[in-house]
Amino acid sequence: MSTLSLPARQPGLRRDATLIGLVGLAHGISHFSQLVLPPLFPWLKDVFQVSYTQLGFLLTVFFVTSCVVQMLSGFWVDRFGPRPILFGGLALLGLASLGYALSTSYWMMMFFAVVAGTGNGVFHPADYTLINRKVAKTRLGHAYSVHGITGSLGWALAPIFMVSLTLAYSWRVALACAGALALAVLLVLWVNRRQLQLAPGSAQSATASNTGAAPPSAGSRPAQAAADNATFEFLKLPAVWMCFAFFFFYAGALSVVQTFAPEAARQLHDVPAHLAAICLSLYMVCSACGMAVGGFLAKDPQRSARIVGLGFGVAAVIAVSLGFLPVPGLAVPAMFGAMGLAAGLAGPSRDLLVKSSAPDNASGRVYGVVYSGLDIGQAVVPLGVGYLMDHHAYSSVWAVLAVLQGVLIISAFNIGRVRRTALAPA
C-alpha cells in the first residue's frame, strides 16, 4: 500500500516546486526592473542635465502607473486567468528597458517609465492567484517565502548588474541587457506555459466563489446585479485598508533605501564609490537571508506584530545612526547589510500578519488593491527625498527613513488588532 502511495505524492511535489520556481523567477524580474534606473542616476543626471527631483519623478511615474494597473489587473486576472496577464507584464518590462536604452531625452525616459509601470503592475495579483489556486496548502508557506526571497534577490542583482555593465561598456548597454534578461525569462515561462495554466473556467468560478455568489444563469439580471455589487464588497473591509496602509509605509521606507540612501551615506561618511555601489545589493542579499531565517519565526500570528516591530525597530536605530552619528566609511556597507537583515527577518511575519487579518476568500482583486499600496508609497516618497538630495539635506534623508520605519511598527500592531472578516455573500 505504501509503495503505491509514493509515486502519487512525488509528482505533486515536483509540480508545485516547478510552479513556485517559475512564479518566483517572474517576480524576481519584476523587482529587478524596478531598480534598473536608480543605480544609473549619477550617469543619467549628467547625460540629460536633470536634477535628482526630476529623476525621482521618473520613479513616481513608474509607480503611479503600476498602482493603477495593479488594481485593474486584479480584475483581469479573475476574469481571464493569470497566465496571459503575467506574460504581458514580462513583455512590457523587456520592451521598456530596451526603450530606456534608446532614449535620447528625459521625456522619452518618462514615456518608457509608463510602459514599465504598466508591465510591473500585473505581478502580485497574477503571482498570488497562481500560488493560492495551484500550490498545495501544506506548501503555501514555502511558496510565499520563495516569492519574497526571489523579489529581494531581484533587487539585489539589479545594482550590481547595471553598474558593472555601465562601468564596463555604457549605461545604454546595461539597459539593453536588462531588457534582454526580461525577455529571456518570458521565453522560459512560455516554454513551461502548461505549468501556469489554471483549469478551464476556474478563473470565473473562483470569482464567483470569492464573492459568495453563484454564477448567474442566462437572462438572470438580478443575479448578475448582485454579483456585480459583491465584486466591490471587499472595499468595505477595514482589514483591506489597514493592509494597504501598511504596504504604503513599507514601500516608502524601501524606496528611500533603493533610490538615494546609498548616495546620502556616501556624502555623509565619505564612502568610497565602489563601496557605495554595493550598499544596496548588500541590503537586499541580507534581506533575503533574513527572510529565510524569519520563516522559522513566522509560526504564530499572535506574535507576528512583535517580530515585525522588533525588526523594523532595529532597522530604524541603524538608520538614525547612519544619518546623525560619525560612522567610518568602511562600516557603512556592513550597516546596510545589518539593516537589510533586520527588515528581512520581519518579512515572513509581516506576510503572516497581513494574511491572518485579510479575508479568507481573498481573490486577485483584493491582492490588487492591497498591494497597490506598494506602488503608491514608491511613487510618492522619491519626490520628497529627491528634493532633500538636491538641497544636500543628506541627514534628513535618513531621518525620513527612520520615521517611516517607526510608522511601520505602529501599523503592524494596528493590523494585529483588526478582526478578520469574510467577504459578504451576494
Protein backbone atom coordinates (compact mmCIF):
# COMPACT_ATOMS: atom_id res chain seq x y z
CA MET A 1 0.00 0.00 0.00
CA SER A 2 2.77 2.46 0.96
CA THR A 3 4.74 1.73 -2.20
CA LEU A 4 1.72 2.65 -4.30
CA SER A 5 1.24 5.98 -2.49
CA LEU A 6 4.76 7.30 -3.03
CA PRO A 7 4.56 7.86 -6.81
CA ALA A 8 1.28 9.74 -6.33
CA ARG A 9 2.87 12.20 -3.91
CA GLN A 10 6.07 12.93 -5.78
CA PRO A 11 4.53 14.41 -8.95
CA GLY A 12 2.50 16.81 -6.77
CA LEU A 13 5.68 17.98 -5.06
CA ARG A 14 7.51 18.32 -8.36
CA ARG A 15 4.60 20.18 -9.93
CA ASP A 16 4.35 22.60 -7.00
CA ALA A 17 8.12 23.17 -6.96
CA THR A 18 8.11 23.94 -10.68
CA LEU A 19 5.25 26.39 -10.34
CA ILE A 20 6.83 28.10 -7.32
CA GLY A 21 10.11 28.39 -9.21
CA LEU A 22 8.50 29.86 -12.33
CA VAL A 23 6.43 32.36 -10.38
CA GLY A 24 9.46 33.28 -8.27
CA LEU A 25 11.56 33.81 -11.40
CA ALA A 26 8.95 36.18 -12.84
CA HIS A 27 8.66 38.02 -9.52
CA GLY A 28 12.43 38.44 -9.38
CA ILE A 29 12.38 40.12 -12.81
CA SER A 30 9.61 42.44 -11.64
CA HIS A 31 11.75 43.62 -8.73
CA PHE A 32 14.88 43.71 -10.88
CA SER A 33 13.13 46.01 -13.36
CA GLN A 34 12.12 48.39 -10.58
CA LEU A 35 15.81 49.10 -9.96
CA VAL A 36 17.26 49.36 -13.44
CA LEU A 37 17.19 53.18 -13.30
CA PRO A 38 18.15 54.25 -9.73
CA PRO A 39 21.74 52.85 -9.85
CA LEU A 40 22.24 54.84 -13.06
CA PHE A 41 21.08 58.19 -11.64
CA PRO A 42 24.64 59.65 -11.45
CA TRP A 43 25.09 58.98 -15.19
CA LEU A 44 21.57 59.97 -16.25
CA LYS A 45 21.78 63.21 -14.27
CA ASP A 46 24.74 64.34 -16.37
CA VAL A 47 23.55 62.95 -19.71
CA PHE A 48 20.09 64.53 -19.60
CA GLN A 49 21.05 67.55 -17.45
CA VAL A 50 18.31 66.97 -14.90
CA SER A 51 18.02 67.18 -11.10
CA TYR A 52 17.58 64.38 -8.60
CA THR A 53 13.99 65.56 -8.15
CA GLN A 54 13.34 65.04 -11.86
CA LEU A 55 14.95 61.61 -11.74
CA GLY A 56 12.80 60.78 -8.73
CA PHE A 57 9.77 61.82 -10.77
CA LEU A 58 10.56 59.06 -13.27
CA LEU A 59 10.01 56.60 -10.42
CA THR A 60 6.83 58.42 -9.45
CA VAL A 61 5.50 57.98 -12.99
CA PHE A 62 6.53 54.32 -12.96
CA PHE A 63 4.84 53.50 -9.66
CA VAL A 64 1.70 55.59 -10.20
CA THR A 65 1.17 53.72 -13.46
CA SER A 66 1.93 50.43 -11.74
CA CYS A 67 -0.56 51.25 -8.97
CA VAL A 68 -3.42 51.89 -11.39
CA VAL A 69 -2.60 48.79 -13.42
CA GLN A 70 -2.23 46.64 -10.31
CA MET A 71 -5.75 47.47 -9.13
CA LEU A 72 -7.15 46.79 -12.60
CA SER A 73 -5.10 43.67 -13.18
CA GLY A 74 -6.66 42.02 -10.16
CA PHE A 75 -9.97 42.09 -12.01
CA TRP A 76 -8.31 40.97 -15.26
CA VAL A 77 -6.69 38.01 -13.51
CA ASP A 78 -10.04 36.97 -12.03
CA ARG A 79 -11.67 37.22 -15.45
CA PHE A 80 -9.05 35.92 -17.89
CA GLY A 81 -6.70 33.94 -15.66
CA PRO A 82 -3.18 34.87 -14.51
CA ARG A 83 -1.08 33.37 -17.32
CA PRO A 84 -1.75 35.84 -20.18
CA ILE A 85 -1.55 38.77 -17.77
CA LEU A 86 1.82 37.57 -16.47
CA PHE A 87 3.19 37.11 -19.98
CA GLY A 88 2.08 40.59 -20.96
CA GLY A 89 3.78 42.11 -17.94
CA LEU A 90 7.13 40.48 -18.70
CA ALA A 91 6.94 41.54 -22.34
CA LEU A 92 6.30 45.18 -21.39
CA LEU A 93 9.17 45.21 -18.89
CA GLY A 94 11.55 43.93 -21.54
CA LEU A 95 10.30 46.48 -24.08
CA ALA A 96 10.60 49.32 -21.56
CA SER A 97 14.25 48.56 -20.73
CA LEU A 98 15.11 48.43 -24.41
CA GLY A 99 13.29 51.75 -24.80
CA TYR A 100 15.30 53.29 -21.95
CA ALA A 101 18.48 52.22 -23.73
CA LEU A 102 17.42 54.02 -26.92
CA SER A 103 16.15 57.17 -25.23
CA THR A 104 17.64 60.47 -26.32
CA SER A 105 15.72 62.75 -23.95
CA TYR A 106 14.26 62.87 -20.47
CA TRP A 107 10.75 62.78 -21.95
CA MET A 108 11.48 59.56 -23.80
CA MET A 109 12.61 58.07 -20.50
CA MET A 110 9.33 59.17 -18.95
CA PHE A 111 7.30 57.51 -21.72
CA PHE A 112 9.06 54.21 -21.18
CA ALA A 113 8.60 54.61 -17.42
CA VAL A 114 4.86 54.44 -18.17
CA VAL A 115 5.41 51.29 -20.25
CA ALA A 116 7.50 49.72 -17.48
CA GLY A 117 4.93 50.66 -14.82
CA THR A 118 2.20 49.03 -16.88
CA GLY A 119 4.19 45.82 -17.02
CA ASN A 120 5.13 45.90 -13.35
CA GLY A 121 1.54 46.30 -12.17
CA VAL A 122 0.36 42.78 -13.01
CA PHE A 123 2.69 40.63 -10.94
CA HIS A 124 1.23 40.46 -7.43
CA PRO A 125 -2.35 39.62 -8.48
CA ALA A 126 -1.13 37.09 -11.05
CA ASP A 127 1.54 35.55 -8.78
CA TYR A 128 -0.65 35.13 -5.72
CA THR A 129 -3.56 33.81 -7.77
CA LEU A 130 -1.33 31.10 -9.23
CA ILE A 131 0.18 30.24 -5.84
CA ASN A 132 -3.11 30.20 -3.94
CA ARG A 133 -5.00 28.14 -6.52
CA LYS A 134 -2.34 25.68 -7.67
CA VAL A 135 0.04 25.04 -4.75
CA ALA A 136 -0.93 22.56 -2.03
CA LYS A 137 -1.93 24.22 1.23
CA THR A 138 0.86 22.42 3.07
CA ARG A 139 3.41 24.14 0.80
CA LEU A 140 1.94 27.65 0.78
CA GLY A 141 4.41 28.86 3.42
CA HIS A 142 7.34 27.76 1.28
CA ALA A 143 5.75 29.35 -1.77
CA TYR A 144 5.36 32.72 -0.02
CA SER A 145 8.93 32.50 1.27
CA VAL A 146 10.37 31.79 -2.18
CA HIS A 147 8.24 34.57 -3.65
CA GLY A 148 9.67 37.08 -1.17
CA ILE A 149 13.24 35.86 -1.47
CA THR A 150 13.27 35.97 -5.28
CA GLY A 151 11.94 39.52 -5.13
CA SER A 152 14.76 40.57 -2.80
CA LEU A 153 17.33 38.80 -4.97
CA GLY A 154 15.96 40.65 -8.00
CA TRP A 155 16.52 43.92 -6.17
CA ALA A 156 19.99 42.77 -5.10
CA LEU A 157 21.03 41.77 -8.61
CA ALA A 158 19.94 44.97 -10.32
CA PRO A 159 22.54 47.42 -8.90
CA ILE A 160 25.43 45.01 -9.46
CA PHE A 161 24.22 44.12 -12.95
CA MET A 162 23.55 47.70 -14.02
CA VAL A 163 26.62 49.37 -12.53
CA SER A 164 29.03 46.65 -13.66
CA LEU A 165 27.84 46.79 -17.28
CA THR A 166 27.79 50.57 -17.22
CA LEU A 167 31.37 50.76 -15.99
CA ALA A 168 32.48 48.12 -18.50
CA TYR A 169 30.54 49.44 -21.50
CA SER A 170 27.86 52.13 -21.07
CA TRP A 171 24.54 52.77 -19.39
CA ARG A 172 22.77 52.12 -22.70
CA VAL A 173 24.33 48.66 -22.97
CA ALA A 174 23.34 47.94 -19.37
CA LEU A 175 19.70 48.85 -20.02
CA ALA A 176 19.61 46.84 -23.26
CA CYS A 177 20.92 43.80 -21.39
CA ALA A 178 18.26 44.32 -18.71
CA GLY A 179 15.61 44.21 -21.41
CA ALA A 180 17.10 41.07 -22.90
CA LEU A 181 17.06 39.42 -19.47
CA ALA A 182 13.34 40.12 -19.01
CA LEU A 183 12.56 38.70 -22.46
CA ALA A 184 14.68 35.61 -21.72
CA VAL A 185 12.61 34.93 -18.60
CA LEU A 186 9.45 35.39 -20.66
CA LEU A 187 10.76 32.70 -23.01
CA VAL A 188 11.37 30.34 -20.07
CA LEU A 189 7.81 30.85 -18.85
CA TRP A 190 6.42 30.38 -22.35
CA VAL A 191 8.22 27.04 -22.72
CA ASN A 192 6.69 25.98 -19.38
CA ARG A 193 3.31 27.62 -20.03
CA ARG A 194 1.33 24.49 -19.19
CA GLN A 195 2.51 24.74 -15.60
CA LEU A 196 0.92 28.22 -15.39
CA GLN A 197 -2.48 27.27 -16.77
CA LEU A 198 -5.49 27.14 -14.48
CA ALA A 199 -8.20 24.58 -15.03
CA PRO A 200 -10.72 25.70 -17.70
CA GLY A 201 -13.29 28.06 -16.21
CA SER A 202 -11.51 28.27 -12.84
CA ALA A 203 -10.95 32.00 -13.07
CA GLN A 204 -14.64 32.70 -13.46
CA SER A 205 -15.73 30.11 -10.94
CA ALA A 206 -13.17 31.34 -8.43
CA THR A 207 -14.52 34.86 -8.80
CA ALA A 208 -17.99 33.61 -8.03
CA SER A 209 -16.85 31.63 -5.00
CA ASN A 210 -14.77 34.52 -3.71
CA THR A 211 -17.73 36.86 -3.83
CA GLY A 212 -20.05 34.24 -2.39
CA ALA A 213 -22.29 34.43 -5.46
CA ALA A 214 -23.40 31.59 -7.69
CA PRO A 215 -22.69 32.05 -11.41
CA PRO A 216 -25.75 33.83 -12.82
CA SER A 217 -27.88 31.93 -15.27
CA ALA A 218 -28.63 33.32 -18.70
CA GLY A 219 -31.13 36.14 -18.54
CA SER A 220 -30.90 36.43 -14.75
CA ARG A 221 -30.32 40.17 -14.41
CA PRO A 222 -30.97 40.36 -10.65
CA ALA A 223 -28.37 37.67 -10.06
CA GLN A 224 -25.90 39.50 -12.30
CA ALA A 225 -26.52 42.78 -10.48
CA ALA A 226 -25.97 41.07 -7.12
CA ALA A 227 -22.70 39.56 -8.38
CA ASP A 228 -21.53 42.99 -9.59
CA ASN A 229 -22.25 44.50 -6.17
CA ALA A 230 -20.44 41.65 -4.44
CA THR A 231 -17.42 42.25 -6.68
CA PHE A 232 -16.73 45.50 -4.81
CA GLU A 233 -17.91 44.35 -1.39
CA PHE A 234 -14.33 43.79 -0.25
CA LEU A 235 -13.68 47.55 -0.35
CA LYS A 236 -15.81 47.90 2.81
CA LEU A 237 -13.50 45.71 4.90
CA PRO A 238 -11.21 47.61 7.35
CA ALA A 239 -8.57 44.87 7.09
CA VAL A 240 -8.08 45.58 3.39
CA TRP A 241 -7.32 49.25 4.03
CA MET A 242 -5.15 48.58 7.06
CA CYS A 243 -3.03 46.24 4.95
CA PHE A 244 -2.99 48.83 2.16
CA ALA A 245 -1.66 51.45 4.60
CA PHE A 246 1.00 49.09 5.92
CA PHE A 247 2.32 48.39 2.44
CA PHE A 248 2.26 52.11 1.63
CA PHE A 249 4.64 52.91 4.50
CA TYR A 250 6.70 49.78 3.85
CA ALA A 251 7.20 50.80 0.23
CA GLY A 252 8.03 54.35 1.25
CA ALA A 253 10.81 53.15 3.53
CA LEU A 254 12.09 50.72 0.91
CA SER A 255 12.12 53.40 -1.78
CA VAL A 256 14.40 55.58 0.35
CA VAL A 257 16.87 52.69 0.63
CA GLN A 258 16.64 51.87 -3.06
CA THR A 259 16.95 55.35 -4.52
CA PHE A 260 19.02 57.84 -2.54
CA ALA A 261 20.18 56.26 0.74
CA PRO A 262 23.50 54.92 -0.67
CA GLU A 263 24.37 58.30 -2.16
CA ALA A 264 23.30 60.12 1.03
CA ALA A 265 25.52 57.81 3.07
CA ARG A 266 28.41 58.37 0.66
CA GLN A 267 28.12 62.13 1.05
CA LEU A 268 27.85 61.98 4.85
CA HIS A 269 30.61 59.47 5.57
CA ASP A 270 33.00 59.74 2.60
CA VAL A 271 32.28 56.19 1.49
CA PRO A 272 34.47 55.12 -1.45
CA ALA A 273 32.45 54.99 -4.67
CA HIS A 274 32.99 51.26 -5.20
CA LEU A 275 31.70 50.50 -1.70
CA ALA A 276 28.70 52.82 -2.06
CA ALA A 277 27.74 50.92 -5.20
CA ILE A 278 27.37 47.64 -3.30
CA CYS A 279 25.43 49.02 -0.31
CA LEU A 280 22.04 48.39 -1.85
CA SER A 281 22.98 44.91 -3.06
CA LEU A 282 24.23 44.01 0.42
CA TYR A 283 20.98 45.28 1.90
CA MET A 284 18.93 43.11 -0.45
CA VAL A 285 21.06 39.97 -0.09
CA CYS A 286 20.95 40.25 3.70
CA SER A 287 17.21 40.92 3.49
CA ALA A 288 16.76 37.68 1.56
CA CYS A 289 18.81 35.82 4.18
CA GLY A 290 16.70 37.42 6.89
CA MET A 291 13.53 36.24 5.16
CA ALA A 292 14.85 32.68 5.07
CA VAL A 293 15.53 32.76 8.81
CA GLY A 294 12.36 34.71 9.55
CA GLY A 295 10.30 31.95 8.00
CA PHE A 296 11.04 29.82 11.06
CA LEU A 297 9.82 32.63 13.33
CA ALA A 298 6.56 33.19 11.45
CA LYS A 299 4.50 30.45 13.06
CA ASP A 300 2.15 32.24 15.43
CA PRO A 301 0.07 35.20 14.16
CA GLN A 302 -0.25 36.40 17.76
CA ARG A 303 3.45 37.24 17.96
CA SER A 304 3.84 38.45 14.38
CA ALA A 305 3.37 42.11 15.32
CA ARG A 306 6.13 41.86 17.94
CA ILE A 307 8.55 40.32 15.45
CA VAL A 308 7.74 42.98 12.85
CA GLY A 309 8.13 45.70 15.48
CA LEU A 310 11.48 44.35 16.62
CA GLY A 311 12.82 44.01 13.07
CA PHE A 312 11.90 47.50 11.96
CA GLY A 313 12.89 48.92 15.35
CA VAL A 314 16.45 47.67 14.83
CA ALA A 315 16.40 48.99 11.25
CA ALA A 316 15.29 52.42 12.48
CA VAL A 317 18.13 52.58 15.03
CA ILE A 318 20.64 51.83 12.26
CA ALA A 319 19.07 54.50 10.02
CA VAL A 320 19.37 57.13 12.77
CA SER A 321 22.99 56.11 13.34
CA LEU A 322 23.85 56.47 9.67
CA GLY A 323 22.15 59.84 9.49
CA PHE A 324 23.43 61.52 12.64
CA LEU A 325 26.44 59.70 14.09
CA PRO A 326 30.08 59.74 12.90
CA VAL A 327 30.34 56.38 11.16
CA PRO A 328 33.56 55.17 9.45
CA GLY A 329 33.06 54.96 5.70
CA LEU A 330 34.20 51.34 5.62
CA ALA A 331 31.48 50.39 8.13
CA VAL A 332 28.61 51.79 6.04
CA PRO A 333 28.13 48.72 3.79
CA ALA A 334 28.05 46.45 6.85
CA MET A 335 25.38 48.68 8.41
CA PHE A 336 23.32 48.48 5.23
CA GLY A 337 23.59 44.70 5.47
CA ALA A 338 22.51 44.70 9.12
CA MET A 339 19.55 46.93 8.32
CA GLY A 340 18.50 44.62 5.49
CA LEU A 341 18.84 41.56 7.74
CA ALA A 342 16.58 43.14 10.38
CA ALA A 343 13.95 44.13 7.83
CA GLY A 344 14.15 40.70 6.19
CA LEU A 345 13.60 38.88 9.48
CA ALA A 346 10.33 40.79 9.80
CA GLY A 347 9.20 39.91 6.26
CA PRO A 348 7.56 36.48 6.76
CA SER A 349 5.87 37.64 9.98
CA ARG A 350 4.62 40.67 8.09
CA ASP A 351 3.07 38.41 5.43
CA LEU A 352 1.53 36.15 8.06
CA LEU A 353 0.15 39.18 9.90
CA VAL A 354 -1.43 40.52 6.74
CA LYS A 355 -2.82 37.14 5.72
CA SER A 356 -4.27 36.50 9.18
CA SER A 357 -6.26 39.73 9.02
CA ALA A 358 -7.27 39.58 5.36
CA PRO A 359 -10.48 37.89 4.13
CA ASP A 360 -10.35 34.10 3.87
CA ASN A 361 -11.75 34.25 0.36
CA ALA A 362 -9.47 36.99 -0.92
CA SER A 363 -9.09 36.97 -4.70
CA GLY A 364 -6.99 38.70 -7.31
CA ARG A 365 -8.85 41.99 -6.91
CA VAL A 366 -8.18 42.05 -3.13
CA TYR A 367 -4.47 41.50 -3.68
CA GLY A 368 -4.53 44.14 -6.41
CA VAL A 369 -5.85 46.82 -4.06
CA VAL A 370 -3.77 45.84 -1.02
CA TYR A 371 -0.51 45.62 -2.93
CA SER A 372 -1.19 48.86 -4.79
CA GLY A 373 -0.07 50.44 -1.52
CA LEU A 374 3.43 49.35 -2.51
CA ASP A 375 3.25 51.30 -5.75
CA ILE A 376 1.78 54.44 -4.21
CA GLY A 377 4.43 54.51 -1.48
CA GLN A 378 7.20 54.11 -4.05
CA ALA A 379 5.60 56.78 -6.23
CA VAL A 380 5.27 59.47 -3.57
CA VAL A 381 8.40 59.19 -1.42
CA PRO A 382 11.14 59.54 -4.11
CA LEU A 383 9.83 63.01 -4.98
CA GLY A 384 10.30 64.34 -1.46
CA VAL A 385 13.59 62.56 -0.91
CA GLY A 386 14.88 63.78 -4.27
CA TYR A 387 14.14 67.35 -3.14
CA LEU A 388 16.17 66.76 0.03
CA MET A 389 19.04 65.39 -2.03
CA ASP A 390 19.02 68.43 -4.33
CA HIS A 391 19.33 70.65 -1.24
CA HIS A 392 22.12 68.49 0.24
CA ALA A 393 19.98 67.57 3.26
CA TYR A 394 21.56 64.14 3.50
CA SER A 395 20.86 63.61 7.21
CA SER A 396 17.20 64.43 6.59
CA VAL A 397 17.03 61.56 4.11
CA TRP A 398 17.94 59.15 6.89
CA ALA A 399 15.53 60.86 9.28
CA VAL A 400 12.69 60.27 6.82
CA LEU A 401 13.67 56.61 6.58
CA ALA A 402 13.72 56.19 10.36
CA VAL A 403 10.31 57.86 10.72
CA LEU A 404 8.77 55.59 8.08
CA GLN A 405 10.20 52.53 9.81
CA GLY A 406 8.73 53.75 13.08
CA VAL A 407 5.31 54.16 11.49
CA LEU A 408 5.60 50.57 10.26
CA ILE A 409 5.91 49.37 13.84
CA ILE A 410 2.68 51.17 14.80
CA SER A 411 0.91 49.91 11.65
CA ALA A 412 1.90 46.32 12.40
CA PHE A 413 0.27 46.41 15.82
CA ASN A 414 -2.83 48.06 14.36
CA ILE A 415 -3.16 45.30 11.76
CA GLY A 416 -2.81 42.74 14.54
CA ARG A 417 -5.90 44.21 16.20
CA VAL A 418 -8.07 44.20 13.06
CA ARG A 419 -10.65 41.45 13.20
CA ARG A 420 -10.64 39.06 10.29
CA THR A 421 -13.83 39.24 8.22
CA ALA A 422 -15.02 37.16 5.30
CA LEU A 423 -16.48 38.76 2.20
CA ALA A 424 -20.23 39.13 2.49
CA PRO A 425 -22.22 36.87 0.19
CA ALA A 426 -24.21 38.48 -2.56
